[in-house]
Amino acid sequence: MKIENQQEKNKSIENESPSLKDKMLQIKEWCLYIKSNWLIVVFVGILGGSLGIGFAMLSKPDYVATLSFALEDDKAAGVGGLSGALGLASSLGIDLGTSAGGAFSGSNLMELMKSRTLIERALLSPIIVSGKSITLAEDYLDFSGLRDELKRKKRLSDIHFLGGENRSIFSLQKDSILGEIYRKVIGDNTDALLNVAQKDKKISIIYVEVKSKDELFSKALTENIVKEVSTYYVDAKSKKARNNVAILQKQADSIRNELNEAISGVAQATDNTFNLNLALNVKRTPSAHRQVDVQANTAILTQLVANLEMAKVTLLKETPLIQVIDKPILPLKKIEWSKLKSLILSGILASILAILFLIIKRSFKKIMN
């Protein structure tokens, strides 16, 4: 009796659960339903493809400017020729300056290129557009559409970034707009205008890439960022050497002036004692004092000039620190939407949406019935 009841339950469960055949019939029913509405699917697909082509034709292309440079190798091999001169200067108590080491090498230099200070300096650099000199920040506001947004706000409509302005006296609104442009330049990994990368860690070549809707802007921003970073880099690494050159140059000029005055004094004292009685040697004392000054100043100036030349050699060793390999050349690489790809992708997407709409519509009718 129990066995028969169990068999009946199993049969009832089998009757309630849909079989594979039922599922296949349902799929076939849905396919026939979609096939009966193929005109709608095709029409929506053609409409979507047309919209895709229209978008590809109306969208502005992106212009990519790429610049590559190499870092100078500051290893001991480069200092070997100067080791003797540097040792002599150190023994005389003169510091001719040394390299700043790896403070700006590799990834540190790449992060420096993304700093707000240096990018803002690049954005405030001038560029010639249609025969008129404007800043890169002003050019970005024009072609990006941000200028139209600013015109809708009374407090921001008159804000312009002119060349030669003092950055430290910018108003809060002006500083905020410049900061917004900076964030657009840095952006995220996907929509950033600026991309700095080192393709191979074994090779000290860094690539700087700027992608924007304006060709001249991409080229100018790439070059100006590298220029500002190079200037900052050179100033930071050669600061001590430049200070020593300036001090030694000032001292050398001062001693040279003293020497010239001493030489003139000897000549004047000699003229004053011309045909003097040989018994009056005391009158020759000023001339002798001047000759001692000439000899002393000559010795001091000789040593200063030697130290100055060594300091100049050290300064030359520190620069240039960034050696540009390739610069962006017009016309730049252009990235634009493919019309064929836009047609196919948008057409397929629109057709899928049409099929989903038909399925949802029929399911909703079944539920309501």
Protein backbone atom coordinates (compact mmCIF):
# COMPACT_ATOMS: atom_id res chain seq x y z
CA MET A 1 0.00 0.00 0.00
CA LYS A 2 2.82 2.36 0.90
CA ILE A 3 4.62 1.54 -2.34
CA GLU A 4 1.56 2.40 -4.42
CA ASN A 5 1.10 5.73 -2.61
CA GLN A 6 4.74 6.60 -3.24
CA GLN A 7 4.39 5.79 -6.95
CA GLU A 8 1.32 7.98 -7.19
CA LYS A 9 3.17 10.86 -5.52
CA ASN A 10 6.07 10.48 -7.94
CA LYS A 11 3.68 10.52 -10.91
CA SER A 12 1.97 13.64 -9.60
CA ILE A 13 5.34 15.36 -9.17
CA GLU A 14 6.34 14.40 -12.71
CA ASN A 15 3.05 15.76 -14.02
CA GLU A 16 3.50 19.04 -12.14
CA SER A 17 7.18 19.66 -13.15
CA PRO A 18 7.68 20.74 -16.79
CA SER A 19 9.47 18.20 -18.94
CA LEU A 20 12.32 18.95 -21.35
CA LYS A 21 9.86 18.63 -24.19
CA ASP A 22 7.66 21.33 -22.65
CA LYS A 23 10.65 23.64 -22.29
CA MET A 24 11.61 23.10 -25.92
CA LEU A 25 8.05 23.85 -26.97
CA GLN A 26 8.07 27.06 -24.96
CA ILE A 27 11.35 28.17 -26.55
CA LYS A 28 9.94 27.35 -29.98
CA GLU A 29 6.82 29.36 -29.14
CA TRP A 30 8.91 32.37 -28.15
CA CYS A 31 11.00 32.09 -31.31
CA LEU A 32 7.90 32.01 -33.45
CA TYR A 33 6.55 35.02 -31.59
CA ILE A 34 9.77 37.01 -32.18
CA LYS A 35 9.82 35.83 -35.80
CA SER A 36 6.29 37.08 -36.29
CA ASN A 37 7.48 40.53 -35.15
CA TRP A 38 10.69 40.54 -37.16
CA LEU A 39 9.75 43.78 -38.88
CA ILE A 40 9.82 45.58 -35.53
CA VAL A 41 13.21 44.07 -34.64
CA VAL A 42 14.70 44.96 -38.03
CA PHE A 43 13.25 48.48 -37.94
CA VAL A 44 14.62 49.16 -34.47
CA GLY A 45 17.99 47.69 -35.49
CA ILE A 46 18.18 49.95 -38.55
CA LEU A 47 17.17 52.93 -36.43
CA GLY A 48 19.86 52.11 -33.86
CA GLY A 49 22.48 51.69 -36.58
CA SER A 50 21.53 55.05 -38.06
CA LEU A 51 21.90 56.68 -34.66
CA GLY A 52 25.30 55.01 -34.27
CA ILE A 53 26.50 56.38 -37.62
CA GLY A 54 25.17 59.82 -36.71
CA PHE A 55 27.02 59.73 -33.42
CA ALA A 56 30.26 58.67 -35.14
CA MET A 57 29.93 61.50 -37.68
CA LEU A 58 29.12 64.19 -35.11
CA SER A 59 31.60 63.16 -32.42
CA LYS A 60 34.94 65.01 -32.51
CA PRO A 61 38.08 62.88 -32.81
CA ASP A 62 40.72 62.70 -30.09
CA TYR A 63 44.21 63.95 -30.92
CA VAL A 64 47.07 62.18 -29.15
CA ALA A 65 50.45 63.89 -28.62
CA THR A 66 53.32 61.73 -27.35
CA LEU A 67 56.71 62.86 -26.10
CA SER A 68 59.48 60.57 -24.86
CA PHE A 69 62.56 61.53 -22.87
CA ALA A 70 65.38 59.85 -20.99
CA LEU A 71 66.78 60.63 -17.57
CA GLU A 72 70.46 61.45 -17.27
CA ASP A 73 72.46 58.71 -15.55
CA ASP A 74 74.11 60.23 -12.47
CA LYS A 75 76.24 57.23 -11.61
CA ALA A 76 79.78 57.37 -10.41
CA ALA A 77 81.08 56.76 -13.95
CA GLY A 78 79.98 60.21 -14.96
CA VAL A 79 81.84 61.81 -12.03
CA GLY A 80 85.15 60.05 -12.57
CA GLY A 81 86.65 62.81 -14.67
CA LEU A 82 85.88 65.37 -11.99
CA SER A 83 86.96 63.39 -8.96
CA GLY A 84 90.38 65.02 -8.78
CA ALA A 85 89.02 68.55 -9.09
CA LEU A 86 86.25 67.89 -6.59
CA GLY A 87 88.75 66.42 -4.11
CA LEU A 88 91.02 69.45 -4.43
CA ALA A 89 88.09 71.82 -3.92
CA SER A 90 86.95 69.88 -0.85
CA SER A 91 90.44 70.08 0.64
CA LEU A 92 90.26 73.86 0.27
CA GLY A 93 86.95 73.95 2.12
CA ILE A 94 84.85 74.67 -0.98
CA ASP A 95 81.65 72.70 -1.64
CA LEU A 96 81.07 72.53 -5.40
CA GLY A 97 77.70 70.78 -5.08
CA THR A 98 76.61 67.23 -5.74
CA SER A 99 73.70 65.57 -7.42
CA ALA A 100 70.36 65.30 -5.64
CA GLY A 101 70.51 61.54 -6.13
CA GLY A 102 67.37 59.62 -6.91
CA ALA A 103 64.92 62.08 -5.39
CA PHE A 104 63.34 62.69 -8.80
CA SER A 105 64.22 59.48 -10.62
CA GLY A 106 61.82 56.91 -12.03
CA SER A 107 58.37 56.84 -10.48
CA ASN A 108 59.06 59.97 -8.40
CA LEU A 109 59.58 62.01 -11.55
CA MET A 110 56.40 60.55 -13.08
CA GLU A 111 54.41 61.64 -10.03
CA LEU A 112 56.06 65.06 -10.19
CA MET A 113 54.64 65.47 -13.70
CA LYS A 114 51.13 65.06 -12.26
CA SER A 115 51.58 67.67 -9.53
CA ARG A 116 49.11 70.53 -9.54
CA THR A 117 51.77 73.24 -9.34
CA LEU A 118 53.62 72.18 -12.49
CA ILE A 119 50.50 71.37 -14.50
CA GLU A 120 49.01 74.77 -13.63
CA ARG A 121 52.21 76.44 -14.81
CA ALA A 122 51.87 74.55 -18.10
CA LEU A 123 48.18 75.51 -18.39
CA LEU A 124 49.03 79.19 -17.87
CA SER A 125 51.63 79.08 -20.66
CA PRO A 126 50.79 80.94 -23.90
CA ILE A 127 49.74 79.30 -27.17
CA ILE A 128 49.01 80.84 -30.58
CA VAL A 129 45.45 80.06 -31.75
CA SER A 130 44.14 81.69 -34.95
CA GLY A 131 46.93 84.26 -34.80
CA LYS A 132 46.08 85.26 -31.21
CA SER A 133 48.11 84.49 -28.10
CA ILE A 134 46.07 82.88 -25.32
CA THR A 135 46.85 80.55 -22.44
CA LEU A 136 46.28 76.82 -22.61
CA ALA A 137 43.70 77.11 -19.82
CA GLU A 138 41.72 79.66 -21.86
CA ASP A 139 41.94 77.44 -24.95
CA TYR A 140 40.64 74.45 -22.97
CA LEU A 141 37.64 76.45 -21.74
CA ASP A 142 36.78 77.31 -25.35
CA PHE A 143 36.97 73.90 -27.04
CA SER A 144 35.73 71.81 -24.10
CA GLY A 145 32.45 73.69 -23.69
CA LEU A 146 33.22 74.85 -20.14
CA ARG A 147 33.13 78.47 -21.33
CA ASP A 148 29.44 78.11 -22.22
CA GLU A 149 28.72 76.75 -18.75
CA LEU A 150 30.56 79.68 -17.14
CA LYS A 151 28.56 82.19 -19.18
CA ARG A 152 25.35 80.93 -17.55
CA LYS A 153 26.66 82.07 -14.16
CA LYS A 154 27.05 85.81 -13.68
CA ARG A 155 29.91 85.57 -11.20
CA LEU A 156 31.97 83.34 -13.51
CA SER A 157 31.15 84.74 -16.95
CA ASP A 158 33.95 87.36 -16.89
CA ILE A 159 36.72 85.06 -15.70
CA HIS A 160 39.61 84.69 -18.15
CA PHE A 161 43.13 83.31 -17.88
CA LEU A 162 45.49 85.85 -19.43
CA GLY A 163 49.19 85.44 -20.01
CA GLY A 164 51.61 86.87 -17.46
CA GLU A 165 49.11 86.92 -14.59
CA ASN A 166 50.30 86.48 -11.02
CA ARG A 167 49.04 83.07 -9.92
CA SER A 168 49.23 83.97 -6.22
CA ILE A 169 46.52 86.66 -6.48
CA PHE A 170 43.87 84.57 -8.24
CA SER A 171 40.38 84.90 -6.78
CA LEU A 172 38.63 81.94 -5.16
CA GLN A 173 36.38 81.44 -8.20
CA LYS A 174 39.29 81.66 -10.63
CA ASP A 175 41.36 79.25 -8.56
CA SER A 176 38.41 76.86 -8.44
CA ILE A 177 38.04 76.87 -12.25
CA LEU A 178 41.76 76.28 -12.74
CA GLY A 179 41.55 73.43 -10.25
CA GLU A 180 38.66 71.93 -12.22
CA ILE A 181 40.77 72.04 -15.41
CA TYR A 182 43.61 70.36 -13.50
CA ARG A 183 41.26 67.56 -12.41
CA LYS A 184 40.15 67.12 -16.02
CA VAL A 185 43.79 66.81 -17.09
CA ILE A 186 44.61 64.25 -14.39
CA GLY A 187 41.20 62.54 -14.39
CA ASP A 188 40.79 58.84 -13.77
CA ASN A 189 42.67 56.10 -15.57
CA THR A 190 39.98 55.97 -18.27
CA ASP A 191 39.19 59.63 -18.99
CA ALA A 192 42.47 61.38 -18.07
CA LEU A 193 43.89 63.79 -20.64
CA LEU A 194 47.41 63.19 -19.33
CA ASN A 195 49.09 59.81 -19.19
CA VAL A 196 52.67 59.33 -17.97
CA ALA A 197 54.16 55.85 -18.23
CA GLN A 198 57.44 53.97 -18.23
CA LYS A 199 56.92 51.06 -20.62
CA ASP A 200 59.91 49.09 -19.39
CA LYS A 201 61.36 49.48 -15.89
CA LYS A 202 64.74 48.33 -17.18
CA ILE A 203 64.90 51.29 -19.57
CA SER A 204 64.87 54.83 -18.15
CA ILE A 205 62.70 56.24 -20.93
CA ILE A 206 59.44 57.91 -19.90
CA TYR A 207 56.53 58.59 -22.24
CA VAL A 208 54.21 61.57 -21.76
CA GLU A 209 50.89 61.45 -23.63
CA VAL A 210 48.09 64.00 -23.83
CA LYS A 211 44.76 63.17 -25.50
CA SER A 212 42.18 65.89 -26.16
CA LYS A 213 39.69 67.15 -28.73
CA ASP A 214 42.04 69.97 -29.83
CA GLU A 215 45.20 69.15 -31.77
CA LEU A 216 47.22 72.24 -30.84
CA PHE A 217 46.24 71.91 -27.18
CA SER A 218 47.46 68.30 -27.01
CA LYS A 219 50.81 69.18 -28.56
CA ALA A 220 51.39 72.36 -26.52
CA LEU A 221 50.35 70.84 -23.17
CA THR A 222 52.65 67.84 -23.68
CA GLU A 223 55.65 70.04 -24.46
CA ASN A 224 54.94 72.58 -21.71
CA ILE A 225 54.52 69.94 -19.00
CA VAL A 226 57.90 68.41 -19.88
CA LYS A 227 59.43 71.90 -20.07
CA GLU A 228 58.13 72.92 -16.63
CA VAL A 229 59.19 69.63 -15.06
CA SER A 230 62.61 69.86 -16.69
CA THR A 231 63.11 73.41 -15.38
CA TYR A 232 62.01 72.42 -11.89
CA TYR A 233 64.14 69.29 -12.01
CA VAL A 234 67.26 71.18 -13.13
CA ASP A 235 66.78 73.90 -10.51
CA ALA A 236 66.31 71.36 -7.72
CA LYS A 237 69.29 69.18 -8.61
CA SER A 238 71.74 71.98 -9.45
CA LYS A 239 70.72 74.48 -6.77
CA LYS A 240 73.84 73.98 -4.63
CA ALA A 241 76.17 74.12 -7.64
CA ARG A 242 74.51 77.30 -8.95
CA ASN A 243 74.80 78.97 -5.55
CA ASN A 244 78.51 78.15 -5.40
CA VAL A 245 79.08 79.49 -8.91
CA ALA A 246 77.29 82.73 -7.99
CA ILE A 247 79.33 83.17 -4.77
CA LEU A 248 82.65 82.43 -6.47
CA GLN A 249 81.79 84.72 -9.39
CA LYS A 250 80.98 87.57 -7.00
CA GLN A 251 84.22 87.05 -5.09
CA ALA A 252 86.27 86.84 -8.29
CA ASP A 253 84.74 90.07 -9.61
CA SER A 254 85.43 91.82 -6.31
CA ILE A 255 89.08 90.72 -6.22
CA ARG A 256 89.49 91.65 -9.88
CA ASN A 257 88.29 95.18 -9.12
CA GLU A 258 90.71 95.38 -6.18
CA LEU A 259 93.54 94.21 -8.43
CA ASN A 260 92.73 96.81 -11.07
CA GLU A 261 92.70 99.54 -8.45
CA ALA A 262 96.02 98.30 -7.06
CA ILE A 263 97.62 98.33 -10.52
CA SER A 264 96.35 101.88 -11.06
CA GLY A 265 97.73 102.83 -7.63
CA VAL A 266 101.20 101.50 -8.51
CA ALA A 267 101.22 103.54 -11.71
CA GLN A 268 100.08 106.67 -9.89
CA ALA A 269 102.67 106.24 -7.11
CA THR A 270 105.39 105.72 -9.72
CA ASP A 271 104.36 108.92 -11.49
CA ASN A 272 104.51 110.82 -8.21
CA THR A 273 108.08 109.60 -7.49
CA PHE A 274 109.43 110.16 -11.02
CA ASN A 275 112.98 111.76 -10.95
CA LEU A 276 112.82 111.76 -7.14
CA ASN A 277 116.08 112.19 -5.20
CA LEU A 278 117.45 108.67 -4.49
CA ALA A 279 118.10 109.68 -0.88
CA LEU A 280 114.36 110.14 -0.27
CA ASN A 281 113.31 106.42 -0.31
CA VAL A 282 110.42 107.07 2.06
CA LYS A 283 108.56 108.67 -0.82
CA ARG A 284 108.63 105.29 -2.61
CA THR A 285 106.62 103.57 0.19
CA PRO A 286 103.12 104.02 -1.40
CA SER A 287 104.35 102.41 -4.60
CA ALA A 288 105.77 99.44 -2.68
CA HIS A 289 102.47 99.00 -0.77
CA ARG A 290 100.55 98.99 -4.03
CA GLN A 291 102.88 96.40 -5.53
CA VAL A 292 102.27 94.13 -2.52
CA ASP A 293 98.50 94.55 -3.05
CA VAL A 294 98.89 93.65 -6.71
CA GLN A 295 100.82 90.47 -5.90
CA ALA A 296 98.37 89.42 -3.16
CA ASN A 297 95.29 90.07 -5.26
CA THR A 298 96.85 88.27 -8.22
CA ALA A 299 97.42 85.15 -6.13
CA ILE A 300 93.91 85.27 -4.65
CA LEU A 301 92.30 85.87 -8.05
CA THR A 302 94.22 82.96 -9.59
CA GLN A 303 92.89 80.58 -6.93
CA LEU A 304 89.33 81.95 -7.21
CA VAL A 305 89.30 81.61 -11.00
CA ALA A 306 90.44 77.98 -10.71
CA ASN A 307 87.70 77.24 -8.17
CA LEU A 308 85.15 79.09 -10.29
CA GLU A 309 85.96 77.03 -13.35
CA MET A 310 85.64 73.80 -11.36
CA ALA A 311 82.27 74.96 -10.02
CA LYS A 312 81.11 75.74 -13.58
CA VAL A 313 82.14 72.26 -14.72
CA THR A 314 80.13 70.78 -11.86
CA LEU A 315 77.12 72.89 -12.84
CA LEU A 316 77.40 71.76 -16.45
CA LYS A 317 77.47 68.17 -15.24
CA GLU A 318 74.07 68.66 -13.59
CA THR A 319 72.41 69.91 -16.78
CA PRO A 320 70.63 68.90 -18.94
CA LEU A 321 68.92 66.36 -16.73
CA ILE A 322 66.05 65.53 -19.10
CA GLN A 323 66.98 64.61 -22.66
CA VAL A 324 64.04 64.70 -25.06
CA ILE A 325 64.04 61.87 -27.59
CA ASP A 326 60.84 62.33 -29.61
CA LYS A 327 58.57 65.37 -29.73
CA PRO A 328 54.96 65.49 -30.98
CA ILE A 329 54.85 66.50 -34.64
CA LEU A 330 51.77 67.80 -36.47
CA PRO A 331 49.55 66.23 -37.68
CA LEU A 332 49.01 64.23 -34.53
CA LYS A 333 47.62 60.73 -34.24
CA LYS A 334 43.83 60.92 -34.54
CA ILE A 335 41.45 58.54 -32.77
CA GLU A 336 37.87 58.64 -34.04
CA TRP A 337 34.79 56.43 -33.97
CA SER A 338 34.61 53.94 -36.84
CA LYS A 339 31.35 54.41 -38.76
CA LEU A 340 31.14 50.71 -39.66
CA LYS A 341 31.81 49.61 -36.10
CA SER A 342 29.27 52.11 -34.76
CA LEU A 343 26.67 50.85 -37.29
CA ILE A 344 27.15 47.19 -36.35
CA LEU A 345 27.36 47.62 -32.58
CA SER A 346 24.49 50.08 -32.25
CA GLY A 347 22.33 48.02 -34.64
CA ILE A 348 22.90 44.81 -32.67
CA LEU A 349 22.29 46.55 -29.35
CA ALA A 350 19.07 48.14 -30.59
CA SER A 351 17.84 44.77 -31.94
CA ILE A 352 18.53 43.08 -28.59
CA LEU A 353 16.62 45.81 -26.78
CA ALA A 354 13.70 45.38 -29.19
CA ILE A 355 13.59 41.61 -28.54
CA LEU A 356 13.68 42.18 -24.78
CA PHE A 357 10.84 44.67 -25.09
CA LEU A 358 8.71 42.18 -27.05
CA ILE A 359 9.37 39.43 -24.50
CA ILE A 360 8.49 41.68 -21.56
CA LYS A 361 5.38 42.90 -23.34
CA ARG A 362 4.08 39.36 -24.07
CA SER A 363 4.91 38.17 -20.54
CA PHE A 364 3.03 41.09 -19.06
CA LYS A 365 -0.04 40.27 -21.17
CA LYS A 366 0.05 36.64 -20.04
CA ILE A 367 0.22 37.69 -16.40
CA MET A 368 -2.69 40.10 -16.80
CA ASN A 369 -4.79 37.43 -18.57
